Protein backbone atom coordinates (compact mmCIF):
# COMPACT_ATOMS: atom_id res chain seq x y z
CA MET A 1 0.14 0.09 -0.21
CA LYS A 2 2.90 2.42 0.81
CA ASN A 3 4.69 2.19 -2.48
CA TRP A 4 0.86 2.93 -4.44
CA LEU A 5 0.98 6.12 -2.36
CA ILE A 6 4.35 7.10 -3.27
CA LEU A 7 3.74 6.32 -7.10
CA HIS A 8 0.77 8.47 -6.71
CA ILE A 9 2.27 11.39 -5.02
CA LEU A 10 5.26 11.16 -7.52
CA ALA A 11 3.12 11.14 -10.57
CA ALA A 12 1.10 13.90 -9.78
CA CYS A 13 4.61 16.21 -8.70
CA CYS A 14 5.79 14.99 -12.22
CA CYS A 15 2.75 15.43 -14.37
CA GLY A 16 2.45 19.10 -12.37
CA CYS A 17 6.07 20.15 -13.72
CA ARG A 18 5.93 18.87 -17.18
CA ALA A 19 4.99 21.70 -20.01
CA GLU A 20 2.42 21.05 -22.48
CA GLU A 21 3.57 18.28 -25.10
CA ASN A 22 2.28 18.47 -28.68
CA VAL A 23 2.74 17.80 -32.54
CA ARG A 24 1.80 19.57 -35.25
CA GLN A 25 1.98 20.63 -38.92
CA PRO A 26 1.22 23.81 -40.71
CA THR A 27 -1.98 23.50 -42.20
CA GLU A 28 -1.50 23.23 -45.85
CA ASP A 29 -2.35 21.47 -49.12
CA ALA A 30 -0.08 19.79 -51.42
CA LEU A 31 -0.25 18.68 -55.14
CA VAL A 32 2.79 16.49 -56.03
CA VAL A 33 2.95 14.21 -59.11
CA GLU A 34 3.34 10.62 -58.61
CA GLY A 35 7.39 9.62 -59.36
CA GLN A 36 8.43 13.42 -57.62
CA PRO A 37 9.73 13.29 -54.06
CA THR A 38 8.28 15.05 -51.03
CA THR A 39 8.12 15.93 -47.75
CA LEU A 40 5.40 16.07 -44.75
CA THR A 41 6.18 18.28 -42.08
CA CYS A 42 5.91 17.30 -38.10
CA LEU A 43 6.71 20.06 -35.54
CA PHE A 44 6.79 19.10 -32.15
CA ASP A 45 7.09 20.89 -28.55
CA THR A 46 8.54 18.88 -25.70
CA ALA A 47 10.20 19.67 -21.92
CA ASP A 48 12.15 16.15 -22.35
CA LEU A 49 15.62 16.17 -23.40
CA SER A 50 15.64 13.45 -25.27
CA PRO A 51 12.21 12.74 -27.19
CA ASP A 52 11.04 9.54 -29.31
CA LEU A 53 9.22 11.05 -32.17
CA PHE A 54 7.27 8.49 -34.67
CA TRP A 55 5.83 8.23 -38.26
CA TYR A 56 3.05 5.74 -38.64
CA LYS A 57 1.22 4.41 -42.41
CA GLN A 58 -2.29 3.44 -42.41
CA GLN A 59 -4.13 2.36 -45.47
CA THR A 60 -7.83 2.15 -45.65
CA ASN A 61 -9.54 -0.62 -43.42
CA SER A 62 -6.10 -1.09 -42.17
CA ASN A 63 -4.28 -0.21 -38.45
CA PRO A 64 -1.55 2.15 -38.36
CA ILE A 65 1.77 0.32 -39.47
CA PHE A 66 4.93 1.76 -37.84
CA MET A 67 7.44 3.06 -40.43
CA LEU A 68 9.92 5.10 -38.54
CA ARG A 69 11.26 6.17 -34.80
CA ARG A 70 14.10 9.17 -34.77
CA ASP A 71 15.80 10.51 -30.80
CA LYS A 72 18.25 12.92 -30.34
CA PHE A 73 21.04 10.30 -29.51
CA SER A 74 21.05 7.91 -32.32
CA PRO A 75 20.02 7.08 -35.98
CA GLY A 76 16.47 5.69 -34.84
CA GLU A 77 14.85 2.74 -36.11
CA THR A 78 13.16 2.44 -39.70
CA ALA A 79 11.17 -0.56 -40.80
CA THR A 80 12.34 -2.44 -43.71
CA GLU A 81 9.56 -2.40 -46.17
CA PHE A 82 10.01 1.74 -45.41
CA LYS A 83 13.85 1.74 -46.14
CA GLU A 84 14.65 2.22 -49.62
CA ARG A 85 11.89 5.11 -50.11
CA PHE A 86 11.26 7.12 -46.57
CA ASP A 87 13.42 8.85 -44.18
CA ALA A 88 13.42 11.03 -41.34
CA ARG A 89 15.63 13.55 -39.75
CA LEU A 90 15.02 14.75 -36.47
CA ASN A 91 16.16 18.65 -36.02
CA PHE A 92 16.34 19.17 -32.06
CA THR A 93 16.98 22.78 -32.65
CA ALA A 94 14.40 23.47 -35.43
CA LYS A 95 11.79 20.91 -33.10
CA SER A 96 10.97 19.14 -36.12
CA VAL A 97 11.14 15.73 -37.86
CA PRO A 98 10.17 16.03 -41.42
CA LEU A 99 9.31 12.76 -43.33
CA THR A 100 10.35 12.45 -47.20
CA ILE A 101 9.10 10.21 -49.01
CA GLN A 102 10.65 9.61 -52.45
CA ARG A 103 9.47 8.67 -55.72
CA VAL A 104 5.55 9.19 -54.59
CA GLN A 105 3.91 5.57 -55.93
CA LEU A 106 -0.32 5.41 -56.05
CA SER A 107 0.78 2.78 -52.87
CA ASP A 108 1.59 5.93 -50.77
CA SER A 109 -2.26 7.06 -50.61
CA ALA A 110 -2.66 6.68 -46.96
CA VAL A 111 -2.98 8.73 -43.56
CA TYR A 112 0.32 9.59 -42.22
CA TYR A 113 0.67 9.76 -38.36
CA CYS A 114 3.52 11.77 -36.32
CA ALA A 115 3.62 10.99 -33.19
CA LEU A 116 5.37 11.96 -29.99
CA ARG A 117 5.28 9.65 -27.16
CA PRO A 118 6.23 11.32 -23.74
CA THR A 119 6.17 8.60 -21.27
CA VAL A 120 7.35 8.06 -17.76
CA THR A 121 8.21 4.97 -15.99
CA THR A 122 9.05 3.39 -12.55
CA GLY A 123 11.49 0.68 -12.19
CA TYR A 124 9.15 -1.71 -12.73
CA THR A 125 7.97 -0.07 -16.08
CA ALA A 126 4.67 0.75 -14.90
CA PRO A 127 3.58 4.25 -16.43
CA LEU A 128 3.42 7.35 -13.63
CA GLN A 129 1.09 9.54 -16.28
CA LYS A 130 -0.99 9.17 -18.74
CA HIS A 131 -0.01 7.91 -22.01
CA CYS A 132 -0.64 10.79 -24.67
CA VAL A 133 0.23 10.32 -28.23
CA TYR A 134 0.39 13.55 -29.74
CA SER A 135 -0.07 12.97 -33.52
CA THR A 136 -1.18 14.91 -37.06
CA LEU A 137 -2.80 12.90 -39.61
CA CYS A 138 -1.63 12.94 -43.22
CA CYS A 139 -3.88 11.95 -45.51
CA VAL A 140 -2.31 11.21 -49.31
CA LEU A 141 -4.76 10.99 -51.94
CA PHE A 142 -4.24 10.67 -55.83
CA PHE A 143 -6.32 11.94 -58.72
CA LYS A 144 -5.36 11.68 -62.32
CA GLY A 145 -1.68 11.38 -61.95
CA MET A 146 -1.68 14.36 -58.86
CA CYS A 147 -1.09 14.00 -54.85
CA TYR A 148 -3.05 15.97 -52.55
CA ILE A 149 -2.12 16.00 -49.65
CA ILE A 150 -4.35 17.15 -46.45
CA GLU A 151 -3.38 17.21 -42.66
CA ALA A 152 -5.14 17.18 -39.33
CA GLU A 153 -4.13 17.52 -35.76
CA GLU A 154 -4.98 15.10 -33.34
CA ARG A 155 -4.18 13.96 -29.50
CA LYS A 156 -5.12 10.52 -28.09
CA CYS A 157 -4.36 9.80 -24.19
CA LEU A 158 -4.91 6.25 -22.89
CA LEU A 159 -5.05 5.48 -18.99
């Protein structure tokens, strides 16, 4: 019982001190010709000195698929199926992690999520705060050889 009380108080202290965390994209529409490159902008705010930034791809009637993760102190990781044409570089100074897609294809039509995952854990990996994912939705649509990019912002918190 004492351990629970200590964790509860610690969680209240940590949550009260943290700055607002979010991910955003400038609202813009873009046209991309099939076969050309495009870049999806992702800007973030966090008090975390070493945040993990993620990109996910979700096609119609499917679950989101992990594409890549970037952080300040390592090259991060990229899922095998995205290594050839997809890349992102974390710029901590500019607080951005833009996703570049080379040689855009019809199969790239999807919703793209940029997410910041701020999570605090104990030695037992039990969360001390809500797990929130701040994401920007990027919907890439093709029509007559042109690519239309539509963006929106979303925040989901899990207990």
